[in-house]
Amino acid sequence: MELKFRNVSKSYGKKEALKNFSVTMKEGVYALLGPNGAGKSTLMNCLSDLITPTSGQILFDGKDTRTMGKEFRAIYGFMPQSFGLYGSFTALDTLKYFAKLKDVKNADQKIKELLETVNLTDAVKQKVGGFSGGMKRRLGIAIALLNDPKVLVLDEPTAGLDPKERIRFRNLISEVSFNRVVIFATHIVSDVEAIANKVILLQHGVVIKNTDVTSLLESINGCVWEAKVQNVDEVVAQDSFKISNIAKQSDGAMIRMVSDEKPFDNAVTVAPNLEDVYLYYFDEAANEND
């Protein structure tokens, strides 16, 4: 199983939202990590055939997905960041409705299995309008899995969830990732560290890194520092430092910084984490609440 993006670009007038995106994906979980406006949603919309690339091809096992048409849609599942559900429908009504739209065979058995997978069996007769955000997300992934897709795409799947629901959802993604290409777009770095086999850093529509988490961390070894400082305001005011954390203490503060050069005489290098990676490559703090 192979999903290949070959020089995929998308322009809106003079604005290039995606520039020569070329990545080959096998079975596993791929995280698209980048700030808002990086091109993540544009890429997924191209794959979903919601928009047409300006140039380039997307191939599944050597076949152009646009040419495949219905054949590709039959093996494709997509959960957008925002999706509409009928509040008056129960979870069972909703899955039956989408199963009919997708022409799912043995729908009743498949729905029963998916309700168990997403832990909604007890809420099967509950109206969707009364679901929490996390329950709606879990129902959304059940909808995306109805046709047992070989390619599963999730756009910001944990955005807006509380920490407990986010952990539950991450575990769910891991459970359903076998024998599939799973792509999830996010800017929440803890999700990436927990479940991704490969990470694609995307900025201004360009791939700047395509590797595993370990190699990504190793790429900024020696660039993350901690130092005890007395005047926090003075340090924060300096544009030359990318500060990932400030821990105030009674006699000053411990500052964690990302810098190619040693920022202070008393600074010592520390092991990088993915938040440091995000700050190093994207020059802005990762926001876990967006």
C-alpha atoms as a PDB file:
ATOM      1  CA  MET A   1       0.000   0.000   0.000  1.00  0.00           C
ATOM      2  CA  GLU A   2       1.463   3.338  -1.069  1.00  0.00           C
ATOM      3  CA  LEU A   3       0.085   6.864  -1.183  1.00  0.00           C
ATOM      4  CA  LYS A   4       2.325   9.180  -3.171  1.00  0.00           C
ATOM      5  CA  PHE A   5       2.138  12.947  -3.523  1.00  0.00           C
ATOM      6  CA  ARG A   6       4.139  14.025  -6.566  1.00  0.00           C
ATOM      7  CA  ASN A   7       4.929  17.762  -6.776  1.00  0.00           C
ATOM      8  CA  VAL A   8       1.441  18.766  -5.626  1.00  0.00           C
ATOM      9  CA  SER A   9       0.925  22.540  -5.704  1.00  0.00           C
ATOM     10  CA  LYS A  10      -2.093  24.750  -5.183  1.00  0.00           C
ATOM     11  CA  SER A  11      -2.325  28.474  -5.897  1.00  0.00           C
ATOM     12  CA  TYR A  12      -5.070  30.981  -5.290  1.00  0.00           C
ATOM     13  CA  GLY A  13      -4.180  33.788  -7.634  1.00  0.00           C
ATOM     14  CA  LYS A  14      -0.681  34.884  -6.638  1.00  0.00           C
ATOM     15  CA  LYS A  15      -0.841  33.097  -3.286  1.00  0.00           C
ATOM     16  CA  GLU A  16       0.796  29.667  -3.231  1.00  0.00           C
ATOM     17  CA  ALA A  17      -0.904  27.631  -0.502  1.00  0.00           C
ATOM     18  CA  LEU A  18       1.026  24.461  -1.365  1.00  0.00           C
ATOM     19  CA  LYS A  19       4.363  24.249  -3.193  1.00  0.00           C
ATOM     20  CA  ASN A  20       5.657  21.048  -4.806  1.00  0.00           C
ATOM     21  CA  PHE A  21       4.556  18.766  -1.977  1.00  0.00           C
ATOM     22  CA  SER A  22       6.290  15.434  -2.630  1.00  0.00           C
ATOM     23  CA  VAL A  23       5.927  12.709   0.004  1.00  0.00           C
ATOM     24  CA  THR A  24       5.488   8.932  -0.175  1.00  0.00           C
ATOM     25  CA  MET A  25       3.444   7.281   2.580  1.00  0.00           C
ATOM     26  CA  LYS A  26       3.168   3.622   3.516  1.00  0.00           C
ATOM     27  CA  GLU A  27       1.073   1.997   6.244  1.00  0.00           C
ATOM     28  CA  GLY A  28       1.300   3.998   9.489  1.00  0.00           C
ATOM     29  CA  VAL A  29       0.472   7.323  11.107  1.00  0.00           C
ATOM     30  CA  TYR A  30       1.743  10.536   9.514  1.00  0.00           C
ATOM     31  CA  ALA A  31       1.447  13.835  11.337  1.00  0.00           C
ATOM     32  CA  LEU A  32       1.221  17.079   9.387  1.00  0.00           C
ATOM     33  CA  LEU A  33       2.591  19.601  11.852  1.00  0.00           C
ATOM     34  CA  GLY A  34       2.577  23.321  11.234  1.00  0.00           C
ATOM     35  CA  PRO A  35       1.068  26.643  12.233  1.00  0.00           C
ATOM     36  CA  ASN A  36      -2.245  27.934  10.920  1.00  0.00           C
ATOM     37  CA  GLY A  37      -1.914  28.766   7.246  1.00  0.00           C
ATOM     38  CA  ALA A  38       0.885  26.253   6.649  1.00  0.00           C
ATOM     39  CA  GLY A  39      -1.061  24.424   3.941  1.00  0.00           C
ATOM     40  CA  LYS A  40      -2.290  21.414   5.929  1.00  0.00           C
ATOM     41  CA  SER A  41      -5.981  21.824   5.105  1.00  0.00           C
ATOM     42  CA  THR A  42      -5.207  22.634   1.473  1.00  0.00           C
ATOM     43  CA  LEU A  43      -3.306  19.376   1.137  1.00  0.00           C
ATOM     44  CA  MET A  44      -6.119  17.348   2.704  1.00  0.00           C
ATOM     45  CA  ASN A  45      -8.729  19.048   0.536  1.00  0.00           C
ATOM     46  CA  CYS A  46      -6.676  18.155  -2.547  1.00  0.00           C
ATOM     47  CA  LEU A  47      -6.521  14.535  -1.405  1.00  0.00           C
ATOM     48  CA  SER A  48     -10.266  14.580  -0.700  1.00  0.00           C
ATOM     49  CA  ASP A  49     -10.897  15.958  -4.218  1.00  0.00           C
ATOM     50  CA  LEU A  50     -12.698  18.938  -2.691  1.00  0.00           C
ATOM     51  CA  ILE A  51     -10.292  21.208  -4.530  1.00  0.00           C
ATOM     52  CA  THR A  52      -8.165  20.569  -7.615  1.00  0.00           C
ATOM     53  CA  PRO A  53      -4.381  20.965  -7.369  1.00  0.00           C
ATOM     54  CA  THR A  54      -2.885  23.575  -9.650  1.00  0.00           C
ATOM     55  CA  SER A  55      -0.249  21.009 -10.610  1.00  0.00           C
ATOM     56  CA  GLY A  56       1.089  17.630  -9.544  1.00  0.00           C
ATOM     57  CA  GLN A  57      -0.428  14.214  -8.922  1.00  0.00           C
ATOM     58  CA  ILE A  58      -1.670  12.114  -6.015  1.00  0.00           C
ATOM     59  CA  LEU A  59      -1.242   8.373  -6.594  1.00  0.00           C
ATOM     60  CA  PHE A  60      -2.554   5.367  -4.678  1.00  0.00           C
ATOM     61  CA  ASP A  61      -0.678   2.188  -5.545  1.00  0.00           C
ATOM     62  CA  GLY A  62       0.435   3.864  -8.749  1.00  0.00           C
ATOM     63  CA  LYS A  63      -3.015   5.057  -9.849  1.00  0.00           C
ATOM     64  CA  ASP A  64      -4.037   8.711 -10.040  1.00  0.00           C
ATOM     65  CA  THR A  65      -6.668   9.236  -7.331  1.00  0.00           C
ATOM     66  CA  ARG A  66      -8.641  11.686  -9.472  1.00  0.00           C
ATOM     67  CA  THR A  67      -8.784   9.184 -12.311  1.00  0.00           C
ATOM     68  CA  MET A  68      -9.773   6.445  -9.846  1.00  0.00           C
ATOM     69  CA  GLY A  69     -12.760   8.573  -8.780  1.00  0.00           C
ATOM     70  CA  LYS A  70     -15.354   6.359  -7.072  1.00  0.00           C
ATOM     71  CA  GLU A  71     -12.800   3.556  -6.698  1.00  0.00           C
ATOM     72  CA  PHE A  72     -10.616   5.789  -4.507  1.00  0.00           C
ATOM     73  CA  ARG A  73     -13.538   7.257  -2.566  1.00  0.00           C
ATOM     74  CA  ALA A  74     -14.531   3.709  -1.637  1.00  0.00           C
ATOM     75  CA  ILE A  75     -11.233   3.270   0.254  1.00  0.00           C
ATOM     76  CA  TYR A  76     -11.004   6.811   1.635  1.00  0.00           C
ATOM     77  CA  GLY A  77     -12.169   8.200   4.977  1.00  0.00           C
ATOM     78  CA  PHE A  78     -12.078  11.858   6.007  1.00  0.00           C
ATOM     79  CA  MET A  79     -12.939  13.617   9.246  1.00  0.00           C
ATOM     80  CA  PRO A  80     -12.772  17.394   8.740  1.00  0.00           C
ATOM     81  CA  GLN A  81     -12.032  19.775  11.593  1.00  0.00           C
ATOM     82  CA  SER A  82     -15.621  21.013  11.519  1.00  0.00           C
ATOM     83  CA  PHE A  83     -18.437  18.744  10.454  1.00  0.00           C
ATOM     84  CA  GLY A  84     -22.193  19.018  10.710  1.00  0.00           C
ATOM     85  CA  LEU A  85     -24.365  16.449  12.497  1.00  0.00           C
ATOM     86  CA  TYR A  86     -28.134  16.353  12.899  1.00  0.00           C
ATOM     87  CA  GLY A  87     -28.740  17.111  16.572  1.00  0.00           C
ATOM     88  CA  SER A  88     -32.095  15.315  16.572  1.00  0.00           C
ATOM     89  CA  PHE A  89     -30.485  12.073  15.325  1.00  0.00           C
ATOM     90  CA  THR A  90     -29.194   9.451  17.728  1.00  0.00           C
ATOM     91  CA  ALA A  91     -25.698   8.022  17.263  1.00  0.00           C
ATOM     92  CA  LEU A  92     -27.298   4.962  15.677  1.00  0.00           C
ATOM     93  CA  ASP A  93     -29.442   7.083  13.331  1.00  0.00           C
ATOM     94  CA  THR A  94     -26.361   9.048  12.294  1.00  0.00           C
ATOM     95  CA  LEU A  95     -24.269   5.992  11.473  1.00  0.00           C
ATOM     96  CA  LYS A  96     -27.132   4.342   9.587  1.00  0.00           C
ATOM     97  CA  TYR A  97     -27.603   7.529   7.577  1.00  0.00           C
ATOM     98  CA  PHE A  98     -23.935   7.746   6.570  1.00  0.00           C
ATOM     99  CA  ALA A  99     -23.735   4.004   5.955  1.00  0.00           C
ATOM    100  CA  LYS A 100     -26.541   4.401   3.436  1.00  0.00           C
ATOM    101  CA  LEU A 101     -24.769   7.311   1.751  1.00  0.00           C
ATOM    102  CA  LYS A 102     -21.552   5.290   1.560  1.00  0.00           C
ATOM    103  CA  ASP A 103     -23.357   2.123   0.416  1.00  0.00           C
ATOM    104  CA  VAL A 104     -21.770   0.114   3.239  1.00  0.00           C
ATOM    105  CA  LYS A 105     -22.395  -3.637   3.076  1.00  0.00           C
ATOM    106  CA  ASN A 106     -23.383  -5.457   6.298  1.00  0.00           C
ATOM    107  CA  ALA A 107     -23.991  -2.022   7.798  1.00  0.00           C
ATOM    108  CA  ASP A 108     -25.649  -3.184  11.026  1.00  0.00           C
ATOM    109  CA  GLN A 109     -22.711  -5.369  12.022  1.00  0.00           C
ATOM    110  CA  LYS A 110     -20.197  -2.714  11.006  1.00  0.00           C
ATOM    111  CA  ILE A 111     -22.033  -0.046  13.031  1.00  0.00           C
ATOM    112  CA  LYS A 112     -22.124  -2.297  16.092  1.00  0.00           C
ATOM    113  CA  GLU A 113     -18.356  -2.889  15.850  1.00  0.00           C
ATOM    114  CA  LEU A 114     -17.583   0.807  15.368  1.00  0.00           C
ATOM    115  CA  LEU A 115     -19.716   1.897  18.314  1.00  0.00           C
ATOM    116  CA  GLU A 116     -17.638  -0.436  20.457  1.00  0.00           C
ATOM    117  CA  THR A 117     -14.394   0.810  18.902  1.00  0.00           C
ATOM    118  CA  VAL A 118     -15.184   4.463  19.647  1.00  0.00           C
ATOM    119  CA  ASN A 119     -16.728   3.665  23.034  1.00  0.00           C
ATOM    120  CA  LEU A 120     -20.211   4.965  22.225  1.00  0.00           C
ATOM    121  CA  THR A 121     -22.220   1.762  22.712  1.00  0.00           C
ATOM    122  CA  ASP A 122     -23.856   3.109  25.875  1.00  0.00           C
ATOM    123  CA  ALA A 123     -24.814   6.321  24.057  1.00  0.00           C
ATOM    124  CA  VAL A 124     -26.248   4.630  20.969  1.00  0.00           C
ATOM    125  CA  LYS A 125     -29.786   5.940  21.576  1.00  0.00           C
ATOM    126  CA  GLN A 126     -28.704   9.339  22.865  1.00  0.00           C
ATOM    127  CA  LYS A 127     -29.364  12.340  20.623  1.00  0.00           C
ATOM    128  CA  VAL A 128     -26.236  13.788  19.074  1.00  0.00           C
ATOM    129  CA  GLY A 129     -27.296  17.303  20.068  1.00  0.00           C
ATOM    130  CA  GLY A 130     -26.534  16.374  23.666  1.00  0.00           C
ATOM    131  CA  PHE A 131     -23.082  14.934  22.941  1.00  0.00           C
ATOM    132  CA  SER A 132     -19.928  16.491  24.359  1.00  0.00           C
ATOM    133  CA  GLY A 133     -17.225  17.690  21.967  1.00  0.00           C
ATOM    134  CA  GLY A 134     -15.233  14.519  22.552  1.00  0.00           C
ATOM    135  CA  MET A 135     -18.232  12.283  21.871  1.00  0.00           C
ATOM    136  CA  LYS A 136     -18.913  14.112  18.605  1.00  0.00           C
ATOM    137  CA  ARG A 137     -15.266  13.629  17.607  1.00  0.00           C
ATOM    138  CA  ARG A 138     -15.504   9.906  18.335  1.00  0.00           C
ATOM    139  CA  LEU A 139     -18.710   9.687  16.320  1.00  0.00           C
ATOM    140  CA  GLY A 140     -16.943  11.559  13.528  1.00  0.00           C
ATOM    141  CA  ILE A 141     -14.152   9.006  13.343  1.00  0.00           C
ATOM    142  CA  ALA A 142     -16.740   6.200  13.347  1.00  0.00           C
ATOM    143  CA  ILE A 143     -18.350   7.849  10.311  1.00  0.00           C
ATOM    144  CA  ALA A 144     -14.956   8.087   8.602  1.00  0.00           C
ATOM    145  CA  LEU A 145     -14.308   4.386   9.302  1.00  0.00           C
ATOM    146  CA  LEU A 146     -17.664   3.085   8.040  1.00  0.00           C
ATOM    147  CA  ASN A 147     -16.265   2.025   4.664  1.00  0.00           C
ATOM    148  CA  ASP A 148     -13.121   0.500   6.249  1.00  0.00           C
ATOM    149  CA  PRO A 149     -10.843   2.966   4.428  1.00  0.00           C
ATOM    150  CA  LYS A 150      -7.260   2.262   3.430  1.00  0.00           C
ATOM    151  CA  VAL A 151      -6.527   6.003   3.643  1.00  0.00           C
ATOM    152  CA  LEU A 152      -7.860   7.835   6.715  1.00  0.00           C
ATOM    153  CA  VAL A 153      -7.465  11.613   7.026  1.00  0.00           C
ATOM    154  CA  LEU A 154      -8.142  13.574  10.218  1.00  0.00           C
ATOM    155  CA  ASP A 155      -8.035  17.370  10.245  1.00  0.00           C
ATOM    156  CA  GLU A 156      -7.183  18.769  13.702  1.00  0.00           C
ATOM    157  CA  PRO A 157      -8.932  15.808  15.356  1.00  0.00           C
ATOM    158  CA  THR A 158      -8.190  16.834  18.959  1.00  0.00           C
ATOM    159  CA  ALA A 159      -8.681  20.605  18.665  1.00  0.00           C
ATOM    160  CA  GLY A 160     -10.833  21.947  21.469  1.00  0.00           C
ATOM    161  CA  LEU A 161     -10.879  18.721  23.479  1.00  0.00           C
ATOM    162  CA  ASP A 162     -10.023  18.603  27.159  1.00  0.00           C
ATOM    163  CA  PRO A 163      -6.837  16.660  28.087  1.00  0.00           C
ATOM    164  CA  LYS A 164      -8.706  13.473  29.050  1.00  0.00           C
ATOM    165  CA  GLU A 165     -10.683  13.349  25.804  1.00  0.00           C
ATOM    166  CA  ARG A 166      -7.558  14.174  23.811  1.00  0.00           C
ATOM    167  CA  ILE A 167      -5.695  11.214  25.306  1.00  0.00           C
ATOM    168  CA  ARG A 168      -8.681   8.949  24.639  1.00  0.00           C
ATOM    169  CA  PHE A 169      -8.864  10.142  21.043  1.00  0.00           C
ATOM    170  CA  ARG A 170      -5.123   9.662  20.491  1.00  0.00           C
ATOM    171  CA  ASN A 171      -5.412   6.088  21.724  1.00  0.00           C
ATOM    172  CA  LEU A 172      -8.320   5.548  19.370  1.00  0.00           C
ATOM    173  CA  ILE A 173      -6.279   6.756  16.390  1.00  0.00           C
ATOM    174  CA  SER A 174      -3.494   4.338  17.324  1.00  0.00           C
ATOM    175  CA  GLU A 175      -5.969   1.469  17.568  1.00  0.00           C
ATOM    176  CA  VAL A 176      -7.428   2.030  14.098  1.00  0.00           C
ATOM    177  CA  SER A 177      -4.122   2.769  12.327  1.00  0.00           C
ATOM    178  CA  PHE A 178      -3.174  -0.818  11.430  1.00  0.00           C
ATOM    179  CA  ASN A 179      -3.245  -1.674   7.726  1.00  0.00           C
ATOM    180  CA  ARG A 180      -4.004   1.951   6.860  1.00  0.00           C
ATOM    181  CA  VAL A 181      -2.311   5.161   5.865  1.00  0.00           C
ATOM    182  CA  VAL A 182      -3.463   7.600   8.542  1.00  0.00           C
ATOM    183  CA  ILE A 183      -2.797  11.310   8.057  1.00  0.00           C
ATOM    184  CA  PHE A 184      -3.637  13.762  10.788  1.00  0.00           C
ATOM    185  CA  ALA A 185      -3.050  17.475  10.675  1.00  0.00           C
ATOM    186  CA  THR A 186      -2.380  19.307  13.901  1.00  0.00           C
ATOM    187  CA  HIS A 187      -0.411  22.002  15.669  1.00  0.00           C
ATOM    188  CA  ILE A 188      -0.675  20.247  19.038  1.00  0.00           C
ATOM    189  CA  VAL A 189       2.760  18.748  19.505  1.00  0.00           C
ATOM    190  CA  SER A 190       1.908  16.300  22.299  1.00  0.00           C
ATOM    191  CA  ASP A 191      -0.434  14.485  19.899  1.00  0.00           C
ATOM    192  CA  VAL A 192       2.419  14.059  17.429  1.00  0.00           C
ATOM    193  CA  GLU A 193       4.825  12.673  20.018  1.00  0.00           C
ATOM    194  CA  ALA A 194       2.237  10.169  21.241  1.00  0.00           C
ATOM    195  CA  ILE A 195       1.139   8.464  18.024  1.00  0.00           C
ATOM    196  CA  ALA A 196       3.007   9.531  14.869  1.00  0.00           C
ATOM    197  CA  ASN A 197       5.366   7.199  13.015  1.00  0.00           C
ATOM    198  CA  LYS A 198       6.487  10.022  10.754  1.00  0.00           C
ATOM    199  CA  VAL A 199       6.258  13.797  11.073  1.00  0.00           C
ATOM    200  CA  ILE A 200       5.985  16.216   8.161  1.00  0.00           C
ATOM    201  CA  LEU A 201       6.761  19.814   9.084  1.00  0.00           C
ATOM    202  CA  LEU A 202       4.916  22.154   6.755  1.00  0.00           C
ATOM    203  CA  GLN A 203       5.350  25.906   6.568  1.00  0.00           C
ATOM    204  CA  HIS A 204       4.037  28.325   3.940  1.00  0.00           C
ATOM    205  CA  GLY A 205       3.083  25.310   1.833  1.00  0.00           C
ATOM    206  CA  VAL A 206       6.616  23.877   1.807  1.00  0.00           C
ATOM    207  CA  VAL A 207       7.886  20.656   3.428  1.00  0.00           C
ATOM    208  CA  ILE A 208      10.789  21.596   5.680  1.00  0.00           C
ATOM    209  CA  LYS A 209      11.197  18.215   7.404  1.00  0.00           C
ATOM    210  CA  ASN A 210       9.888  14.703   6.736  1.00  0.00           C
ATOM    211  CA  THR A 211      11.204  12.234   9.281  1.00  0.00           C
ATOM    212  CA  ASP A 212      10.486  10.300  12.485  1.00  0.00           C
ATOM    213  CA  VAL A 213      10.149  11.889  15.929  1.00  0.00           C
ATOM    214  CA  THR A 214      13.586  10.716  17.141  1.00  0.00           C
ATOM    215  CA  SER A 215      15.385  12.189  14.129  1.00  0.00           C
ATOM    216  CA  LEU A 216      13.392  15.386  14.475  1.00  0.00           C
ATOM    217  CA  LEU A 217      14.547  15.785  18.077  1.00  0.00           C
ATOM    218  CA  GLU A 218      18.124  14.968  17.106  1.00  0.00           C
ATOM    219  CA  SER A 219      18.030  17.679  14.441  1.00  0.00           C
ATOM    220  CA  ILE A 220      18.115  20.385  17.138  1.00  0.00           C
ATOM    221  CA  ASN A 221      20.494  18.731  19.605  1.00  0.00           C
ATOM    222  CA  GLY A 222      22.678  21.414  21.193  1.00  0.00           C
ATOM    223  CA  CYS A 223      20.165  24.157  20.387  1.00  0.00           C
ATOM    224  CA  VAL A 224      18.027  24.023  23.543  1.00  0.00           C
ATOM    225  CA  TRP A 225      19.291  25.792  26.660  1.00  0.00           C
ATOM    226  CA  GLU A 226      18.335  26.515  30.237  1.00  0.00           C
ATOM    227  CA  ALA A 227      19.737  29.373  32.310  1.00  0.00           C
ATOM    228  CA  LYS A 228      19.016  31.021  35.626  1.00  0.00           C
ATOM    229  CA  VAL A 229      18.423  34.745  35.142  1.00  0.00           C
ATOM    230  CA  GLN A 230      17.705  37.630  37.492  1.00  0.00           C
ATOM    231  CA  ASN A 231      15.879  40.051  35.216  1.00  0.00           C
ATOM    232  CA  VAL A 232      13.183  38.152  33.345  1.00  0.00           C
ATOM    233  CA  ASP A 233      11.770  41.222  31.571  1.00  0.00           C
ATOM    234  CA  GLU A 234      15.140  42.064  30.090  1.00  0.00           C
ATOM    235  CA  VAL A 235      15.556  38.553  28.677  1.00  0.00           C
ATOM    236  CA  VAL A 236      12.020  38.425  27.259  1.00  0.00           C
ATOM    237  CA  ALA A 237      12.559  41.787  25.550  1.00  0.00           C
ATOM    238  CA  GLN A 238      15.509  40.461  23.546  1.00  0.00           C
ATOM    239  CA  ASP A 239      14.377  39.389  20.072  1.00  0.00           C
ATOM    240  CA  SER A 240      17.384  37.093  19.652  1.00  0.00           C
ATOM    241  CA  PHE A 241      15.954  34.469  22.007  1.00  0.00           C
ATOM    242  CA  LYS A 242      13.130  32.025  21.332  1.00  0.00           C
ATOM    243  CA  ILE A 243      11.826  31.311  24.818  1.00  0.00           C
ATOM    244  CA  SER A 244       9.874  28.073  25.256  1.00  0.00           C
ATOM    245  CA  ASN A 245       9.369  28.258  29.015  1.00  0.00           C
ATOM    246  CA  ILE A 246       9.814  30.576  32.001  1.00  0.00           C
ATOM    247  CA  ALA A 247       9.712  29.092  35.500  1.00  0.00           C
ATOM    248  CA  LYS A 248       9.718  31.905  38.051  1.00  0.00           C
ATOM    249  CA  GLN A 249      11.635  31.359  41.260  1.00  0.00           C
ATOM    250  CA  SER A 250      12.103  33.399  44.439  1.00  0.00           C
ATOM    251  CA  ASP A 251      15.462  34.751  43.263  1.00  0.00           C
ATOM    252  CA  GLY A 252      14.819  35.090  39.527  1.00  0.00           C
ATOM    253  CA  ALA A 253      13.662  32.616  36.913  1.00  0.00           C
ATOM    254  CA  MET A 254      14.770  29.548  34.999  1.00  0.00           C
ATOM    255  CA  ILE A 255      14.492  30.255  31.290  1.00  0.00           C
ATOM    256  CA  ARG A 256      14.320  27.569  28.589  1.00  0.00           C
ATOM    257  CA  MET A 257      15.445  28.883  25.203  1.00  0.00           C
ATOM    258  CA  VAL A 258      15.994  27.687  21.662  1.00  0.00           C
ATOM    259  CA  SER A 259      19.105  29.153  20.072  1.00  0.00           C
ATOM    260  CA  ASP A 260      21.880  28.072  17.717  1.00  0.00           C
ATOM    261  CA  GLU A 261      24.366  29.935  19.905  1.00  0.00           C
ATOM    262  CA  LYS A 262      24.888  29.822  23.661  1.00  0.00           C
ATOM    263  CA  PRO A 263      22.603  32.604  24.954  1.00  0.00           C
ATOM    264  CA  PHE A 264      24.244  33.215  28.361  1.00  0.00           C
ATOM    265  CA  ASP A 265      27.510  32.285  30.016  1.00  0.00           C
ATOM    266  CA  ASN A 266      25.657  30.187  32.596  1.00  0.00           C
ATOM    267  CA  ALA A 267      23.360  28.477  30.058  1.00  0.00           C
ATOM    268  CA  VAL A 268      23.534  24.702  29.756  1.00  0.00           C
ATOM    269  CA  THR A 269      22.218  22.498  26.971  1.00  0.00           C
ATOM    270  CA  VAL A 270      19.234  20.259  27.699  1.00  0.00           C
ATOM    271  CA  ALA A 271      17.468  17.503  25.770  1.00  0.00           C
ATOM    272  CA  PRO A 272      14.989  18.924  23.247  1.00  0.00           C
ATOM    273  CA  ASN A 273      11.295  18.080  23.157  1.00  0.00           C
ATOM    274  CA  LEU A 274       8.809  18.555  20.337  1.00  0.00           C
ATOM    275  CA  GLU A 275       7.703  21.942  21.626  1.00  0.00           C
ATOM    276  CA  ASP A 276      11.315  23.060  21.214  1.00  0.00           C
ATOM    277  CA  VAL A 277      11.314  21.617  17.688  1.00  0.00           C
ATOM    278  CA  TYR A 278       8.148  23.529  16.857  1.00  0.00           C
ATOM    279  CA  LEU A 279       9.626  26.758  18.188  1.00  0.00           C
ATOM    280  CA  TYR A 280      12.936  26.201  16.373  1.00  0.00           C
ATOM    281  CA  TYR A 281      11.411  25.597  12.949  1.00  0.00           C
ATOM    282  CA  PHE A 282       8.287  27.719  13.102  1.00  0.00           C
ATOM    283  CA  ASP A 283       9.513  30.611  15.250  1.00  0.00           C
ATOM    284  CA  GLU A 284       6.357  30.706  17.340  1.00  0.00           C
ATOM    285  CA  ALA A 285       5.071  28.862  20.377  1.00  0.00           C
ATOM    286  CA  ALA A 286       2.867  25.825  19.856  1.00  0.00           C
ATOM    287  CA  ASN A 287      -0.616  26.537  21.148  1.00  0.00           C
ATOM    288  CA  GLU A 288      -2.310  23.517  22.699  1.00  0.00           C
ATOM    289  CA  ASN A 289      -5.574  25.374  23.176  1.00  0.00           C
ATOM    290  CA  ASP A 290      -6.258  26.368  19.566  1.00  0.00           C
END
